[in-house]
Every structure is written in C-alpha cells, then in structure tokens.
C-alpha atoms as a PDB file:
ATOM      1  CA  MET A   1       0.007  -0.176   0.062  1.00  0.00           C
ATOM      2  CA  SER A   2       1.216   3.243  -0.794  1.00  0.00           C
ATOM      3  CA  LEU A   3       1.681   6.626   1.443  1.00  0.00           C
ATOM      4  CA  TYR A   4      -0.430   8.364  -0.608  1.00  0.00           C
ATOM      5  CA  ASP A   5      -3.276   5.074   0.508  1.00  0.00           C
ATOM      6  CA  ASP A   6      -2.820   5.097   3.961  1.00  0.00           C
ATOM      7  CA  ALA A   7      -4.207   8.537   3.957  1.00  0.00           C
ATOM      8  CA  VAL A   8      -6.695   7.984   1.959  1.00  0.00           C
ATOM      9  CA  LEU A   9      -7.733   5.256   4.739  1.00  0.00           C
ATOM     10  CA  VAL A  10      -6.557   7.123   7.850  1.00  0.00           C
ATOM     11  CA  LEU A  11      -8.608   9.799   6.906  1.00  0.00           C
ATOM     12  CA  LYS A  12     -11.671   8.489   6.122  1.00  0.00           C
ATOM     13  CA  ALA A  13     -11.730   6.450   9.651  1.00  0.00           C
ATOM     14  CA  TYR A  14     -11.063   9.851  11.080  1.00  0.00           C
ATOM     15  CA  GLU A  15     -13.847  11.021  13.350  1.00  0.00           C
ATOM     16  CA  GLY A  16     -14.390  14.982  14.000  1.00  0.00           C
ATOM     17  CA  GLN A  17     -13.703  18.050  11.614  1.00  0.00           C
ATOM     18  CA  GLU A  18     -15.979  16.544   9.398  1.00  0.00           C
ATOM     19  CA  GLU A  19     -15.698  19.300   6.724  1.00  0.00           C
ATOM     20  CA  LEU A  20     -11.828  19.842   6.680  1.00  0.00           C
ATOM     21  CA  ARG A  21     -11.773  15.697   6.956  1.00  0.00           C
ATOM     22  CA  GLN A  22     -13.515  16.217   3.692  1.00  0.00           C
ATOM     23  CA  ALA A  23     -11.499  18.766   2.298  1.00  0.00           C
ATOM     24  CA  TYR A  24      -8.404  16.908   2.783  1.00  0.00           C
ATOM     25  CA  LEU A  25     -10.036  13.657   1.032  1.00  0.00           C
ATOM     26  CA  ASP A  26     -10.517  16.363  -2.007  1.00  0.00           C
ATOM     27  CA  HIS A  27      -7.478  17.496  -2.015  1.00  0.00           C
ATOM     28  CA  LEU A  28      -5.846  13.914  -2.252  1.00  0.00           C
ATOM     29  CA  SER A  29      -8.456  13.411  -4.933  1.00  0.00           C
ATOM     30  CA  ALA A  30      -7.967  16.042  -7.540  1.00  0.00           C
ATOM     31  CA  HIS A  31      -3.774  15.991  -6.390  1.00  0.00           C
ATOM     32  CA  PRO A  32      -2.372  12.999  -6.723  1.00  0.00           C
ATOM     33  CA  ASP A  33       0.517  14.105  -6.113  1.00  0.00           C
ATOM     34  CA  GLY A  34      -0.770  15.887  -2.628  1.00  0.00           C
ATOM     35  CA  MET A  35       1.082  13.635  -0.149  1.00  0.00           C
ATOM     36  CA  TRP A  36       4.522  15.730  -1.968  1.00  0.00           C
ATOM     37  CA  LYS A  37       6.322  19.082  -0.892  1.00  0.00           C
ATOM     38  CA  ALA A  38       6.040  19.389  -4.304  1.00  0.00           C
ATOM     39  CA  CYS A  39       2.463  19.844  -4.926  1.00  0.00           C
ATOM     40  CA  ARG A  40       1.715  23.922  -5.213  1.00  0.00           C
ATOM     41  CA  ALA A  41      -1.893  23.280  -4.886  1.00  0.00           C
ATOM     42  CA  GLY A  42      -0.796  22.164  -1.056  1.00  0.00           C
ATOM     43  CA  HIS A  43       0.554  18.429   0.661  1.00  0.00           C
ATOM     44  CA  VAL A  44      -0.133  16.592   3.277  1.00  0.00           C
ATOM     45  CA  THR A  45       2.077  17.144   6.118  1.00  0.00           C
ATOM     46  CA  ALA A  46       2.200  14.586   9.685  1.00  0.00           C
ATOM     47  CA  SER A  47       3.123  15.491  13.375  1.00  0.00           C
ATOM     48  CA  ALA A  48       3.468  14.407  16.087  1.00  0.00           C
ATOM     49  CA  LEU A  49       2.703  15.858  20.014  1.00  0.00           C
ATOM     50  CA  VAL A  50       5.317  14.944  22.276  1.00  0.00           C
ATOM     51  CA  ILE A  51       4.100  15.128  26.052  1.00  0.00           C
ATOM     52  CA  ASP A  52       4.849  13.705  28.802  1.00  0.00           C
ATOM     53  CA  PRO A  53       1.546  13.091  31.208  1.00  0.00           C
ATOM     54  CA  GLU A  54       2.670  11.901  34.174  1.00  0.00           C
ATOM     55  CA  ARG A  55       4.628  15.236  34.690  1.00  0.00           C
ATOM     56  CA  GLY A  56       1.850  17.034  32.605  1.00  0.00           C
ATOM     57  CA  ARG A  57       4.248  18.713  29.922  1.00  0.00           C
ATOM     58  CA  VAL A  58       4.850  18.779  26.138  1.00  0.00           C
ATOM     59  CA  LEU A  59       7.892  19.629  24.083  1.00  0.00           C
ATOM     60  CA  LEU A  60       7.874  21.458  21.493  1.00  0.00           C
ATOM     61  CA  THR A  61      10.465  23.141  18.665  1.00  0.00           C
ATOM     62  CA  LEU A  62      11.142  26.680  18.171  1.00  0.00           C
ATOM     63  CA  HIS A  63      10.783  26.416  14.554  1.00  0.00           C
ATOM     64  CA  LYS A  64      13.881  28.053  12.725  1.00  0.00           C
ATOM     65  CA  LYS A  65      12.238  29.071   9.916  1.00  0.00           C
ATOM     66  CA  LEU A  66       8.853  30.578  11.099  1.00  0.00           C
ATOM     67  CA  ARG A  67      10.506  31.154  14.840  1.00  0.00           C
ATOM     68  CA  MET A  68       7.298  30.037  16.410  1.00  0.00           C
ATOM     69  CA  TRP A  69       6.965  27.307  19.580  1.00  0.00           C
ATOM     70  CA  LEU A  70       5.191  24.004  17.178  1.00  0.00           C
ATOM     71  CA  GLN A  71       4.773  20.659  17.349  1.00  0.00           C
ATOM     72  CA  MET A  72       6.987  18.304  15.837  1.00  0.00           C
ATOM     73  CA  GLY A  73       6.295  17.492  11.993  1.00  0.00           C
ATOM     74  CA  GLY A  74       7.082  18.353   8.749  1.00  0.00           C
ATOM     75  CA  HIS A  75       7.239  16.910   5.293  1.00  0.00           C
ATOM     76  CA  CYS A  76       6.197  13.212   4.210  1.00  0.00           C
ATOM     77  CA  GLU A  77       9.408  10.926   2.676  1.00  0.00           C
ATOM     78  CA  ARG A  78       9.338   8.835  -0.286  1.00  0.00           C
ATOM     79  CA  GLY A  79      10.602   6.295   2.486  1.00  0.00           C
ATOM     80  CA  ASP A  80       7.547   6.785   4.528  1.00  0.00           C
ATOM     81  CA  THR A  81       5.160   3.901   4.516  1.00  0.00           C
ATOM     82  CA  THR A  82       1.996   5.532   6.655  1.00  0.00           C
ATOM     83  CA  LEU A  83       0.789   8.914   8.210  1.00  0.00           C
ATOM     84  CA  GLU A  84       1.456   7.166  11.382  1.00  0.00           C
ATOM     85  CA  ALA A  85       5.602   6.526  10.448  1.00  0.00           C
ATOM     86  CA  ALA A  86       5.892   9.771   8.874  1.00  0.00           C
ATOM     87  CA  ALA A  87       4.536  11.458  12.280  1.00  0.00           C
ATOM     88  CA  LEU A  88       7.027   9.399  14.523  1.00  0.00           C
ATOM     89  CA  ARG A  89       9.805   9.779  12.264  1.00  0.00           C
ATOM     90  CA  GLU A  90       9.565  13.841  12.311  1.00  0.00           C
ATOM     91  CA  ALA A  91       9.011  13.707  15.598  1.00  0.00           C
ATOM     92  CA  THR A  92      11.504  11.626  16.669  1.00  0.00           C
ATOM     93  CA  GLU A  93      13.773  13.449  14.219  1.00  0.00           C
ATOM     94  CA  GLU A  94      13.480  16.932  15.833  1.00  0.00           C
ATOM     95  CA  SER A  95      13.217  16.163  19.246  1.00  0.00           C
ATOM     96  CA  GLY A  96      16.503  13.099  20.405  1.00  0.00           C
ATOM     97  CA  ILE A  97      13.982  11.501  22.007  1.00  0.00           C
ATOM     98  CA  PRO A  98      14.480   7.785  20.788  1.00  0.00           C
ATOM     99  CA  GLY A  99      11.529   5.706  22.108  1.00  0.00           C
ATOM    100  CA  LEU A 100       8.439   7.463  21.622  1.00  0.00           C
ATOM    101  CA  THR A 101       5.251   5.723  20.969  1.00  0.00           C
ATOM    102  CA  LEU A 102       1.871   7.001  19.494  1.00  0.00           C
ATOM    103  CA  LEU A 103      -0.740   7.638  21.337  1.00  0.00           C
ATOM    104  CA  PRO A 104      -3.558   4.488  19.889  1.00  0.00           C
ATOM    105  CA  GLY A 105      -7.043   5.110  17.562  1.00  0.00           C
ATOM    106  CA  GLY A 106      -4.744   7.566  14.601  1.00  0.00           C
ATOM    107  CA  PRO A 107      -4.029  10.945  14.108  1.00  0.00           C
ATOM    108  CA  VAL A 108      -6.020  13.614  17.754  1.00  0.00           C
ATOM    109  CA  ARG A 109      -6.385  16.632  14.814  1.00  0.00           C
ATOM    110  CA  LEU A 110      -6.739  17.872  11.940  1.00  0.00           C
ATOM    111  CA  ASP A 111      -5.279  21.540  10.633  1.00  0.00           C
ATOM    112  CA  ARG A 112      -4.873  23.297   7.467  1.00  0.00           C
ATOM    113  CA  HIS A 113      -3.090  26.284   7.277  1.00  0.00           C
ATOM    114  CA  PRO A 114      -1.635  28.717   4.347  1.00  0.00           C
ATOM    115  CA  ILE A 115       2.645  28.877   3.795  1.00  0.00           C
ATOM    116  CA  PRO A 116       4.735  30.833   1.743  1.00  0.00           C
ATOM    117  CA  ALA A 117       4.170  30.455  -1.485  1.00  0.00           C
ATOM    118  CA  PRO A 118       5.076  28.193  -3.883  1.00  0.00           C
ATOM    119  CA  CYS A 119       2.677  26.319  -2.276  1.00  0.00           C
ATOM    120  CA  HIS A 120      -0.018  27.506  -0.679  1.00  0.00           C
ATOM    121  CA  TRP A 121      -1.091  24.756   2.031  1.00  0.00           C
ATOM    122  CA  HIS A 122      -0.164  22.604   4.491  1.00  0.00           C
ATOM    123  CA  PHE A 123      -2.801  19.982   5.446  1.00  0.00           C
ATOM    124  CA  ASP A 124      -1.233  18.729   8.337  1.00  0.00           C
ATOM    125  CA  VAL A 125      -2.716  15.261  10.105  1.00  0.00           C
ATOM    126  CA  GLN A 126      -1.724  15.641  14.097  1.00  0.00           C
ATOM    127  CA  TYR A 127      -0.767  13.120  15.982  1.00  0.00           C
ATOM    128  CA  ALA A 128       0.240  12.751  19.703  1.00  0.00           C
ATOM    129  CA  ALA A 129       3.390  10.768  20.534  1.00  0.00           C
ATOM    130  CA  LEU A 130       4.262   9.402  24.444  1.00  0.00           C
ATOM    131  CA  ALA A 131       7.850  10.449  26.380  1.00  0.00           C
ATOM    132  CA  PRO A 132       9.000   7.598  27.347  1.00  0.00           C
ATOM    133  CA  LEU A 133      10.132   8.493  31.091  1.00  0.00           C
ATOM    134  CA  ASP A 134      12.782  11.340  31.533  1.00  0.00           C
ATOM    135  CA  ALA A 135      13.934  11.458  28.112  1.00  0.00           C
ATOM    136  CA  GLU A 136      16.341  13.760  26.898  1.00  0.00           C
ATOM    137  CA  HIS A 137      15.884  16.127  24.144  1.00  0.00           C
ATOM    138  CA  VAL A 138      18.227  17.364  21.613  1.00  0.00           C
ATOM    139  CA  ILE A 139      18.039  20.248  19.538  1.00  0.00           C
ATOM    140  CA  SER A 140      17.962  19.518  15.484  1.00  0.00           C
ATOM    141  CA  ASP A 141      18.999  21.116  12.324  1.00  0.00           C
ATOM    142  CA  GLU A 142      15.555  22.650  12.376  1.00  0.00           C
ATOM    143  CA  SER A 143      14.884  23.937  15.383  1.00  0.00           C
ATOM    144  CA  LEU A 144      16.530  27.112  16.834  1.00  0.00           C
ATOM    145  CA  ASP A 145      15.050  25.303  20.751  1.00  0.00           C
ATOM    146  CA  VAL A 146      13.490  22.653  22.061  1.00  0.00           C
ATOM    147  CA  ARG A 147      12.483  22.898  25.010  1.00  0.00           C
ATOM    148  CA  TRP A 148       9.208  21.385  27.381  1.00  0.00           C
ATOM    149  CA  PHE A 149       6.182  23.426  28.857  1.00  0.00           C
ATOM    150  CA  ALA A 150       3.794  22.800  31.624  1.00  0.00           C
ATOM    151  CA  TYR A 151       0.163  22.917  29.893  1.00  0.00           C
ATOM    152  CA  ASP A 152      -0.433  26.032  31.331  1.00  0.00           C
ATOM    153  CA  ARG A 153       2.186  27.540  29.667  1.00  0.00           C
ATOM    154  CA  VAL A 154       1.007  26.110  25.871  1.00  0.00           C
ATOM    155  CA  PRO A 155      -0.937  28.884  25.297  1.00  0.00           C
ATOM    156  CA  ASP A 156       1.519  31.864  26.461  1.00  0.00           C
ATOM    157  CA  VAL A 157       4.036  30.796  24.164  1.00  0.00           C
ATOM    158  CA  ALA A 158       2.095  28.539  21.442  1.00  0.00           C
ATOM    159  CA  ASP A 159      -0.515  29.596  18.625  1.00  0.00           C
ATOM    160  CA  GLU A 160      -4.192  28.557  18.428  1.00  0.00           C
ATOM    161  CA  SER A 161      -3.446  25.113  16.302  1.00  0.00           C
ATOM    162  CA  VAL A 162      -0.903  23.987  19.174  1.00  0.00           C
ATOM    163  CA  VAL A 163      -3.690  25.014  22.141  1.00  0.00           C
ATOM    164  CA  ARG A 164      -6.082  22.877  20.587  1.00  0.00           C
ATOM    165  CA  LEU A 165      -3.720  20.055  19.530  1.00  0.00           C
ATOM    166  CA  LEU A 166      -2.984  19.960  23.838  1.00  0.00           C
ATOM    167  CA  GLU A 167      -6.960  19.696  24.450  1.00  0.00           C
ATOM    168  CA  ALA A 168      -7.376  17.412  22.031  1.00  0.00           C
ATOM    169  CA  THR A 169      -4.051  15.106  22.861  1.00  0.00           C
ATOM    170  CA  ARG A 170      -5.291  15.592  26.775  1.00  0.00           C
ATOM    171  CA  ALA A 171      -8.975  14.875  26.072  1.00  0.00           C
ATOM    172  CA  ARG A 172      -7.585  11.439  24.164  1.00  0.00           C
ATOM    173  CA  LEU A 173      -5.348  10.464  27.521  1.00  0.00           C
END
C-alpha cells in the first residue's frame, strides 16, 4: 500500500472535523501528488505533539524558519509507508528522543494552514507521541530551541493550533 492510499484510509476513518476531513480527501482526490512538498496546491504533512503526561508537560520546538513554538512535524518523505510512521519519524528526528510511541486511535486533530509561496497549504495530520520516562531531548538542525512546557504555559508561547492540539491530546488521554 502506498503512503497516498494509507492517508486516504486514515482520513476516511478519522472521526470529527467533518468539513475539514472532507477538504483533505477532496484535495488528495484532485492531486495525486498531494502527499509531496512538490505539490504547489498544497500537501499533506504529519506532526506529533510530544507529551509527558506524568509531569504534565509537552515538548515544543522553536521552528527555525517560522520562529514559532510548534509541535514536531513536517513533510512526508518517499520512505514513509504510513502517516503514523511519518509523524513518528518527524517527532523522533526533531526531538532527538528515541522510543517515542504514538497514542493509539489514529490522528488527534487535523489542521490546515496557509504557508508562503510557492506552495499554498499544509494539510497537517496531527498525532500525539508519549515520551519515555526521563526522556532527554536534543536540538535538531531544524530548530532554534527545543523545550518542555507545562500544559498551562502552552497558551503563553504557542499559537491556537498548538493549544487545540494539546486540548485534544489531553482529552484522548
């Protein structure tokens, strides 16, 4: 099964955000290359909020280009076989934490957001990843900083999309 096929199946099974979910499916139907960064009409991305529920905190990255505190994530790559694998790869690469595990039940949220030209949209499929106890993070080349934040501090540093992802993740827990 291709990554494209997996994405369609994941999105069809996703419950909630009905209009947005359908927009993702419509985009993929109209753009067979919609999984890849080269699709200028927009492309699917995969991300994961790294969470430490034992300590009530999340790990965010200060994105090098956007200069915003965000969850770990990014573009799908040719070697990714599933959206889950892409989200877990991105979270592991950007956090430097081995042994992350995704929360069961598929994506936690969907978030479509505009991006600068030449592309137009990211169709982000958002997961949540549990950090192992005493996980130590590393700052990747894609980040200016990586830092743990208590749940109640996230609204002070991150935008609404990250706050909504944290709320949905905590509800899933």
